[in-house]
Protein backbone atom coordinates (compact mmCIF):
# COMPACT_ATOMS: atom_id res chain seq x y z
CA MET A 1 3.89 -20.65 -6.09
CA VAL A 2 4.37 -17.79 -8.56
CA VAL A 3 1.51 -16.40 -10.62
CA PHE A 4 1.86 -13.76 -13.34
CA CYS A 5 -0.99 -12.15 -15.22
CA CYS A 6 -0.65 -9.44 -17.83
CA LEU A 7 -3.37 -7.45 -19.62
CA GLU A 8 -2.70 -5.15 -22.55
CA ASN A 9 -5.11 -2.67 -24.07
CA GLY A 10 -4.92 -2.54 -27.86
CA ALA A 11 -1.87 -2.06 -30.04
CA GLU A 12 -0.70 1.00 -28.09
CA ASN A 13 -0.03 -1.03 -24.90
CA ARG A 14 -1.27 1.84 -22.77
CA PHE A 15 -2.58 -0.36 -19.98
CA LEU A 16 -0.57 -3.05 -18.29
CA LEU A 17 -1.46 -5.04 -15.19
CA LEU A 18 1.10 -7.30 -13.58
CA CYS A 19 0.40 -9.40 -10.51
CA LEU A 20 2.88 -11.48 -8.60
CA VAL A 21 2.00 -13.84 -5.79
CA ASN A 22 4.79 -15.70 -4.08
CA ALA A 23 5.07 -17.85 -0.97
CA MET A 24 8.52 -18.81 0.24
CA LYS A 25 8.84 -21.51 2.85
CA GLY A 26 11.21 -20.87 5.75
CA GLN A 27 12.21 -23.44 8.34
CA ALA A 28 9.44 -22.66 10.80
CA SER A 29 7.18 -20.14 9.08
CA TYR A 30 6.24 -18.62 5.75
CA MET A 31 6.95 -15.28 4.13
CA HIS A 32 4.11 -14.26 1.81
CA LEU A 33 4.41 -11.59 -0.86
CA VAL A 34 1.69 -10.05 -3.01
CA HIS A 35 2.79 -7.33 -5.42
CA SER A 36 0.83 -5.78 -8.28
CA ILE A 37 1.57 -2.99 -10.76
CA ILE A 38 -0.89 -1.04 -12.89
CA ARG A 39 0.69 1.02 -15.69
CA PHE A 40 -1.18 3.16 -18.19
CA GLY A 41 -0.72 6.21 -20.40
CA CYS A 42 -2.96 9.21 -19.89
CA ILE A 43 -4.63 11.60 -22.32
CA ILE A 44 -1.34 13.43 -22.77
CA LYS A 45 0.76 11.36 -25.19
CA PHE A 46 4.05 11.42 -23.26
CA LEU A 47 2.72 11.03 -19.72
CA LEU A 48 3.01 7.62 -18.00
CA LEU A 49 1.45 6.78 -14.64
CA THR A 50 2.37 3.62 -12.74
CA LEU A 51 0.61 2.53 -9.56
CA GLY A 52 2.00 -0.26 -7.41
CA TYR A 53 0.80 -2.09 -4.34
CA GLY A 54 2.53 -4.72 -2.25
CA TYR A 55 1.69 -6.73 0.84
CA TYR A 56 4.63 -8.32 2.64
CA ASN A 57 3.72 -10.79 5.39
CA LEU A 58 6.99 -11.45 7.20
CA PRO A 59 7.83 -13.71 10.16
CA SER A 60 7.62 -12.20 13.64
CA VAL A 61 10.25 -9.58 14.47
CA THR A 62 11.21 -11.62 17.54
CA GLU A 63 12.23 -14.63 15.41
CA TYR A 64 15.74 -13.49 14.52
CA ARG A 65 16.59 -16.70 12.67
CA LEU A 66 13.79 -16.03 10.15
CA ASN A 67 13.71 -12.22 10.19
CA LYS A 68 17.25 -11.01 10.90
CA TYR A 69 16.57 -7.34 10.02
CA GLU A 70 13.54 -7.24 12.38
CA LEU A 71 11.23 -5.93 9.65
CA PRO A 72 7.56 -6.14 10.62
CA SER A 73 4.91 -7.02 8.03
CA TYR A 74 3.85 -4.06 5.90
CA TYR A 75 1.89 -2.70 2.95
CA GLN A 76 3.64 -0.62 0.31
CA PHE A 77 2.02 1.80 -2.16
CA ASN A 78 3.94 3.33 -5.11
CA ILE A 79 2.94 6.18 -7.43
CA ASP A 80 5.31 6.84 -10.34
CA ILE A 81 4.60 9.68 -12.80
CA ARG A 82 6.88 10.20 -15.82
CA TYR A 83 6.82 12.80 -18.56
CA LYS A 84 8.97 12.51 -21.70
CA PHE A 85 9.66 15.70 -23.61
CA GLU A 86 9.69 15.98 -27.40
CA GLY A 87 11.06 18.49 -29.88
CA TYR A 88 13.98 20.61 -28.65
CA PHE A 89 14.09 18.78 -25.29
CA GLU A 90 13.81 15.26 -26.74
CA GLY A 91 15.59 12.77 -24.47
CA LEU A 92 14.69 14.67 -21.31
CA GLU A 93 12.44 12.83 -18.85
CA MET A 94 11.00 14.02 -15.53
CA GLN A 95 9.88 11.55 -12.90
CA CYS A 96 8.02 11.92 -9.62
CA LEU A 97 8.03 8.85 -7.36
CA ILE A 98 6.05 8.61 -4.12
CA VAL A 99 6.42 5.52 -1.91
CA ARG A 100 4.37 4.83 1.25
CA LYS A 101 5.14 1.97 3.67
CA GLU A 102 2.48 1.21 6.28
CA SER A 103 2.68 -1.31 9.13
CA THR A 104 -0.01 -4.02 9.04
CA ALA A 105 -0.59 -4.33 12.79
CA HIS A 106 0.56 -3.22 16.20
CA GLN A 107 4.12 -4.29 16.87
CA GLU A 108 6.03 -5.11 20.05
CA GLY A 109 7.69 -1.68 20.24
CA GLU A 110 8.65 1.51 18.41
CA LYS A 111 12.10 0.18 17.56
CA TYR A 112 10.41 -2.15 15.05
CA ILE A 113 8.58 0.75 13.36
CA PHE A 114 10.97 3.73 13.45
CA ASN A 115 12.75 4.14 10.07
CA LYS A 116 11.26 0.82 8.88
CA ASN A 117 7.49 1.38 8.48
CA ASN A 118 4.88 4.14 8.61
CA LEU A 119 6.93 6.41 6.37
CA THR A 120 6.59 8.22 3.04
CA ASN A 121 9.41 8.90 0.55
CA TYR A 122 9.14 11.59 -2.16
CA ASN A 123 11.55 11.69 -5.12
CA PHE A 124 11.77 14.07 -8.06
CA VAL A 125 14.21 12.93 -10.75
CA ILE A 126 15.31 14.49 -14.05
CA ASN A 127 16.90 12.07 -16.54
CA TYR A 128 18.46 12.78 -19.90
CA HIS A 129 18.68 9.90 -22.39
CA PHE A 130 21.36 10.56 -25.01
CA GLY A 131 20.77 9.84 -28.74
CA LYS A 132 19.75 6.41 -29.88
């Protein structure tokens, strides 16, 4: 089952909500995914903020046939802030992306958590988009 819903605020399209719900059937269990994105412009004309949330309910880490990378179930939170310059620096865009992955429950051991869950990733990116 896949469900999409999208809301737009006025002609400026400054607010966008996207929800995705998906259930994929495996041989012996299910993998459930819930992911939503909220995107809106702020008071500053060229600033864009995107918030994302995901819940990933995966098969048990001990069921190798269904979960070969031994990833435990987790929540993921995303914050994406972008600023587009105008005038002399037109085409330049700065982006700050923060991603947090959090385990949903106690797992069988640290080897299922270390470098897989309970971590935060910070990125600062500068892009230049050449003339249109």
